[in-house]
Amino acid sequence: MGALNVSPESFYGGSVHRDATALLRAATAMVEAGAAILDVGARSTAPYLDTAIDDREETARLARAIELLATKLGVPVSADTARPAPARAALDAGATIVNDVTALRNAELARLIAERRASIIVMASPSGGDSTGHDPVAAIHVILADALARGRAAGIPDEHIVLDPGIGFFREEAIAWDAWDAGVLAGLAALAALDRPLCVGVSRKSFLGTITGHRDPAARLPASLAATAVAVLRGAAVIRTHDVAETIDAVRVAERLGGARKGGGTSP
C-alpha cells in the first residue's frame, strides 16, 4: 500500500504532494513499482503533531486527490480519514477503502462503510488517557477485537475488514512508546487469532528514529525496511509504505526466507 499525502502538515515531507501533477506522478511511480493499493491522506494523523484542520478543508483536499487518482491507475484507492464527511466525499469520488485510525469508534463512519459496502482498515488507537498496561500485544488484541465487534454490529462483513495494530499511536502508555511499538511488532503473530488480515505501517516512523538515532524521517529508510521484514515474517498481509519499490524488495526477501524456514530449506 503506497502512502500519499496532500497534507502539508504530515510528519514526512517526502510523502507530501501539493499539486495535482506531483500527486499523479508519485502515484503512477508507486503503481509501476508494484503498489496494489494507494492510500491518500489529507490530514496528518501523527499523534504528537498539532495538525488540526476542519472537516471542510480535509474533505476538499481528499475529494480532489481521490477524484484525480481513482480512475487513472487501475488499483484501489483508500482514503486515510476517520471523519464521516471526508470519508463520504472520498467514496463519492471513487475510493473503495477507508483507512480509519480511530478503531471504528465513530458510529456514523461505521454505518457509512456498511451502507456503501466499502472496505475498511481499522487501526488500533488509544481511547483516552487510561494506560493499557505493560503488555502491548494483549492491549492491541483487546482494542482490535472490540473494533471488529463494532464493525460487525454496524453490518460490515468480516471480509471487508483489515486490522492495523497502530504502530506509532500509543505514546502515553505504561512503557516507553518505542518499546511499545517494538513489542507489538515482535508479538504480531499473536494477533492472527483475530482471524483478519493485518496491515502494518512502520514507514519512517519515530520509534525507528529512537532506535537508530535518526531524528530526520528522511534518514529512516533502512530502518523501515528492517522493520517491514520483521512484520512480514510475523504475519503482516499488507504493508503501508512511503517507499514502494524498496519495500517490495524487502517483502520479497522476507517472504522467501520465511517460506524457506517453514519448509525446512537446506543450507548451502
Protein backbone atom coordinates (compact mmCIF):
# COMPACT_ATOMS: atom_id res chain seq x y z
CA MET A 1 0.00 0.00 0.00
CA GLY A 2 1.59 3.23 -1.17
CA ALA A 3 1.11 6.17 1.21
CA LEU A 4 0.46 9.56 -0.38
CA ASN A 5 -0.35 12.80 1.41
CA VAL A 6 -1.87 16.09 0.31
CA SER A 7 -1.50 17.45 3.85
CA PRO A 8 1.43 19.89 4.19
CA GLU A 9 1.50 19.22 7.95
CA SER A 10 2.36 15.50 7.58
CA PHE A 11 5.39 14.29 9.54
CA TYR A 12 7.39 13.16 6.49
CA GLY A 13 7.70 15.86 3.89
CA GLY A 14 8.76 13.40 1.23
CA SER A 15 5.24 11.96 1.19
CA VAL A 16 3.52 15.30 0.58
CA HIS A 17 2.42 16.26 -2.93
CA ARG A 18 0.95 19.74 -3.07
CA ASP A 19 -0.35 19.87 -6.63
CA ALA A 20 -2.17 17.50 -8.96
CA THR A 21 0.78 16.94 -11.29
CA ALA A 22 3.13 15.93 -8.48
CA LEU A 23 0.48 13.70 -6.88
CA LEU A 24 -0.30 11.87 -10.10
CA ARG A 25 3.40 11.45 -10.88
CA ALA A 26 4.11 9.97 -7.43
CA ALA A 27 1.07 7.68 -7.56
CA THR A 28 1.96 6.45 -11.03
CA ALA A 29 5.51 5.66 -9.90
CA MET A 30 4.16 3.68 -6.93
CA VAL A 31 1.85 1.61 -9.11
CA GLU A 32 4.59 0.97 -11.66
CA ALA A 33 6.82 -0.17 -8.78
CA GLY A 34 4.17 -2.66 -7.68
CA ALA A 35 1.77 -0.96 -5.26
CA ALA A 36 -1.51 -2.87 -5.05
CA ILE A 37 -3.36 -0.08 -3.20
CA LEU A 38 -2.89 3.68 -2.92
CA ASP A 39 -3.71 5.31 0.43
CA VAL A 40 -4.34 9.05 0.33
CA GLY A 41 -4.33 11.26 3.41
CA ALA A 42 -5.48 14.87 3.59
CA ARG A 43 -4.87 15.48 7.30
CA SER A 44 -1.90 14.31 9.33
CA THR A 45 -2.82 11.77 11.98
CA ALA A 46 0.54 11.78 13.78
CA PRO A 47 -0.45 11.87 17.46
CA TYR A 48 2.49 14.05 18.50
CA LEU A 49 1.84 16.88 16.00
CA ASP A 50 -0.61 19.77 16.14
CA THR A 51 -2.27 19.14 12.80
CA ALA A 52 -5.88 20.15 13.34
CA ILE A 53 -7.85 21.22 10.28
CA ASP A 54 -11.62 21.34 9.97
CA ASP A 55 -13.86 18.88 8.15
CA ARG A 56 -14.36 21.23 5.23
CA GLU A 57 -10.65 21.56 4.50
CA GLU A 58 -9.98 17.84 4.84
CA THR A 59 -13.00 17.00 2.66
CA ALA A 60 -11.93 19.37 -0.11
CA ARG A 61 -8.32 18.14 -0.13
CA LEU A 62 -9.30 14.47 -0.04
CA ALA A 63 -12.03 14.62 -2.67
CA ARG A 64 -9.76 16.40 -5.15
CA ALA A 65 -6.97 13.87 -4.69
CA ILE A 66 -9.20 10.79 -4.84
CA GLU A 67 -11.02 12.01 -7.93
CA LEU A 68 -7.67 12.55 -9.66
CA LEU A 69 -6.37 9.05 -8.90
CA ALA A 70 -9.38 6.73 -8.70
CA THR A 71 -9.96 6.16 -12.41
CA LYS A 72 -6.45 6.57 -13.79
CA LEU A 73 -4.18 3.94 -12.26
CA GLY A 74 -6.08 0.65 -12.13
CA VAL A 75 -5.63 -0.05 -8.40
CA PRO A 76 -8.00 0.53 -5.47
CA VAL A 77 -7.69 3.87 -3.71
CA SER A 78 -8.03 4.18 0.07
CA ALA A 79 -8.98 7.34 1.95
CA ASP A 80 -6.99 7.85 5.14
CA THR A 81 -9.62 9.54 7.29
CA ALA A 82 -11.56 8.95 10.50
CA ARG A 83 -14.27 11.54 9.82
CA PRO A 84 -17.61 10.72 8.17
CA ALA A 85 -17.84 13.81 5.93
CA PRO A 86 -14.42 13.42 4.28
CA ALA A 87 -14.98 9.65 4.03
CA ARG A 88 -18.30 10.17 2.27
CA ALA A 89 -16.74 12.62 -0.18
CA ALA A 90 -13.86 10.23 -0.83
CA LEU A 91 -16.22 7.32 -1.55
CA ASP A 92 -18.25 9.57 -3.85
CA ALA A 93 -15.01 10.45 -5.66
CA GLY A 94 -14.10 6.80 -6.26
CA ALA A 95 -12.37 5.46 -3.14
CA THR A 96 -13.33 1.91 -2.22
CA ILE A 97 -11.48 1.67 1.12
CA VAL A 98 -11.42 3.86 4.22
CA ASN A 99 -8.36 3.77 6.47
CA ASP A 100 -9.66 4.67 9.95
CA VAL A 101 -7.07 5.38 12.66
CA THR A 102 -9.63 5.57 15.48
CA ALA A 103 -10.61 1.89 15.88
CA LEU A 104 -14.06 2.46 14.33
CA ARG A 105 -15.31 4.31 17.39
CA ASN A 106 -17.35 6.69 15.21
CA ALA A 107 -20.73 5.01 14.71
CA GLU A 108 -21.61 7.28 11.78
CA LEU A 109 -18.47 6.25 9.95
CA ALA A 110 -19.21 2.58 10.61
CA ARG A 111 -22.73 2.95 9.21
CA LEU A 112 -21.38 4.75 6.14
CA ILE A 113 -18.92 1.94 5.40
CA ALA A 114 -21.68 -0.65 5.74
CA GLU A 115 -24.12 1.29 3.57
CA ARG A 116 -21.57 1.85 0.81
CA ARG A 117 -20.30 -1.74 1.04
CA ALA A 118 -16.80 -0.32 1.21
CA SER A 119 -13.80 -1.96 2.79
CA ILE A 120 -12.11 -0.59 5.88
CA ILE A 121 -8.73 -0.74 7.56
CA VAL A 122 -9.41 -0.47 11.28
CA MET A 123 -6.42 0.71 13.27
CA ALA A 124 -5.94 0.25 16.99
CA SER A 125 -5.67 3.55 18.83
CA PRO A 126 -5.83 4.71 22.45
CA SER A 127 -9.31 5.54 23.72
CA GLY A 128 -8.18 8.24 26.12
CA GLY A 129 -5.71 8.89 28.90
CA ASP A 130 -6.04 5.49 30.57
CA SER A 131 -2.97 3.27 30.45
CA THR A 132 -3.36 -0.03 28.66
CA GLY A 133 -0.73 -1.75 30.80
CA HIS A 134 2.65 -3.32 30.17
CA ASP A 135 1.65 -5.93 27.57
CA PRO A 136 1.34 -4.17 24.20
CA VAL A 137 0.15 -7.19 22.22
CA ALA A 138 -2.56 -8.09 24.73
CA ALA A 139 -3.77 -4.48 24.75
CA ILE A 140 -3.84 -4.26 20.95
CA HIS A 141 -5.70 -7.57 20.78
CA VAL A 142 -8.45 -6.23 23.05
CA ILE A 143 -8.75 -2.93 21.15
CA LEU A 144 -8.92 -4.63 17.75
CA ALA A 145 -11.38 -7.28 18.96
CA ASP A 146 -13.66 -4.51 20.20
CA ALA A 147 -13.29 -2.64 16.91
CA LEU A 148 -14.08 -5.78 14.94
CA ALA A 149 -17.21 -6.24 17.05
CA ARG A 150 -18.26 -2.65 16.29
CA GLY A 151 -17.80 -3.28 12.58
CA ARG A 152 -19.90 -6.42 12.71
CA ALA A 153 -22.61 -4.67 14.71
CA ALA A 154 -22.76 -1.94 12.05
CA GLY A 155 -23.20 -4.54 9.33
CA ILE A 156 -19.72 -4.52 7.81
CA PRO A 157 -18.86 -8.03 6.59
CA ASP A 158 -15.70 -9.55 8.05
CA GLU A 159 -14.23 -9.94 4.57
CA HIS A 160 -14.33 -6.14 4.19
CA ILE A 161 -12.26 -5.54 7.34
CA VAL A 162 -8.46 -5.42 7.69
CA LEU A 163 -6.88 -4.71 11.08
CA ASP A 164 -3.89 -2.48 11.89
CA PRO A 165 -2.02 -2.62 15.24
CA GLY A 166 -1.41 1.14 15.28
CA ILE A 167 2.37 1.43 15.27
CA GLY A 168 3.31 4.93 16.41
CA PHE A 169 -0.01 5.85 18.00
CA PHE A 170 0.47 4.70 21.59
CA ARG A 171 2.53 7.46 23.18
CA GLU A 172 1.16 7.71 26.72
CA GLU A 173 1.41 4.13 27.96
CA ALA A 174 2.99 2.49 30.99
CA ILE A 175 6.11 1.71 28.96
CA ALA A 176 8.09 3.92 26.58
CA TRP A 177 6.42 4.34 23.21
CA ASP A 178 9.36 2.96 21.23
CA ALA A 179 9.41 -0.14 23.45
CA TRP A 180 5.65 -0.43 22.91
CA ASP A 181 5.99 -0.40 19.13
CA ALA A 182 8.89 -2.84 19.19
CA GLY A 183 6.87 -5.15 21.43
CA VAL A 184 3.87 -5.05 19.11
CA LEU A 185 5.99 -5.95 16.10
CA ALA A 186 7.78 -8.73 17.96
CA GLY A 187 4.46 -10.24 19.05
CA LEU A 188 2.48 -9.54 15.90
CA ALA A 189 1.84 -13.24 15.21
CA ALA A 190 -0.42 -13.42 18.28
CA LEU A 191 -2.93 -11.15 16.52
CA ALA A 192 -3.60 -13.92 13.99
CA ALA A 193 -6.18 -15.16 16.50
CA LEU A 194 -8.44 -12.29 15.36
CA ASP A 195 -8.69 -14.08 12.00
CA ARG A 196 -8.43 -10.96 9.85
CA PRO A 197 -5.55 -9.76 7.65
CA LEU A 198 -3.13 -7.35 9.30
CA CYS A 199 -1.98 -4.08 7.76
CA VAL A 200 1.23 -2.73 9.28
CA GLY A 201 2.65 0.75 8.80
CA VAL A 202 6.19 1.28 10.07
CA SER A 203 7.44 3.53 7.29
CA ARG A 204 9.88 6.16 8.63
CA LYS A 205 8.09 6.30 11.99
CA SER A 206 9.56 7.89 15.08
CA PHE A 207 10.20 4.69 17.05
CA LEU A 208 12.71 3.82 14.35
CA GLY A 209 14.34 7.19 14.88
CA THR A 210 14.69 6.44 18.59
CA ILE A 211 16.24 3.05 17.88
CA THR A 212 18.68 4.33 15.26
CA GLY A 213 19.27 7.88 16.47
CA HIS A 214 17.97 9.39 13.22
CA ARG A 215 15.70 12.31 14.10
CA ASP A 216 15.02 13.14 10.45
CA PRO A 217 12.42 10.81 8.86
CA ALA A 218 14.31 11.13 5.58
CA ALA A 219 17.15 9.08 7.12
CA ARG A 220 14.96 6.19 8.29
CA LEU A 221 14.52 4.13 5.12
CA PRO A 222 16.95 1.31 6.08
CA ALA A 223 15.28 1.01 9.49
CA SER A 224 11.86 0.98 7.84
CA LEU A 225 12.88 -1.90 5.59
CA ALA A 226 14.25 -3.89 8.52
CA ALA A 227 11.03 -3.40 10.49
CA THR A 228 9.00 -4.30 7.40
CA ALA A 229 10.82 -7.61 7.07
CA VAL A 230 10.05 -8.42 10.70
CA ALA A 231 6.38 -7.54 10.20
CA VAL A 232 6.12 -9.82 7.16
CA LEU A 233 7.79 -12.69 9.00
CA ARG A 234 5.34 -12.17 11.88
CA GLY A 235 2.29 -12.37 9.59
CA ALA A 236 1.53 -8.93 8.11
CA ALA A 237 -0.58 -9.19 4.95
CA VAL A 238 -0.43 -5.52 3.90
CA ILE A 239 2.47 -3.12 4.32
CA ARG A 240 1.74 0.61 4.17
CA THR A 241 4.82 2.48 2.98
CA HIS A 242 6.12 5.73 1.56
CA ASP A 243 8.78 3.82 -0.40
CA VAL A 244 7.09 1.20 -2.57
CA ALA A 245 9.95 -0.05 -4.74
CA GLU A 246 12.39 -0.56 -1.86
CA THR A 247 9.73 -2.07 0.38
CA ILE A 248 8.67 -4.60 -2.24
CA ASP A 249 12.26 -5.86 -2.34
CA ALA A 250 12.27 -6.22 1.44
CA VAL A 251 8.92 -8.03 1.37
CA ARG A 252 10.07 -10.45 -1.32
CA VAL A 253 13.19 -11.37 0.63
CA ALA A 254 11.27 -11.76 3.89
CA GLU A 255 8.66 -13.96 2.22
CA ARG A 256 11.30 -16.13 0.57
CA LEU A 257 13.28 -16.56 3.77
CA GLY A 258 10.14 -17.18 5.80
CA GLY A 259 9.00 -19.80 3.31
CA ALA A 260 12.39 -21.48 3.34
CA ARG A 261 12.33 -21.65 7.13
CA LYS A 262 8.84 -23.15 7.22
CA GLY A 263 9.73 -25.61 4.51
CA GLY A 264 12.98 -26.67 6.14
CA GLY A 265 15.21 -25.32 3.38
CA THR A 266 18.70 -26.75 3.08
CA SER A 267 21.88 -24.86 3.89
CA PRO A 268 24.30 -24.07 1.04
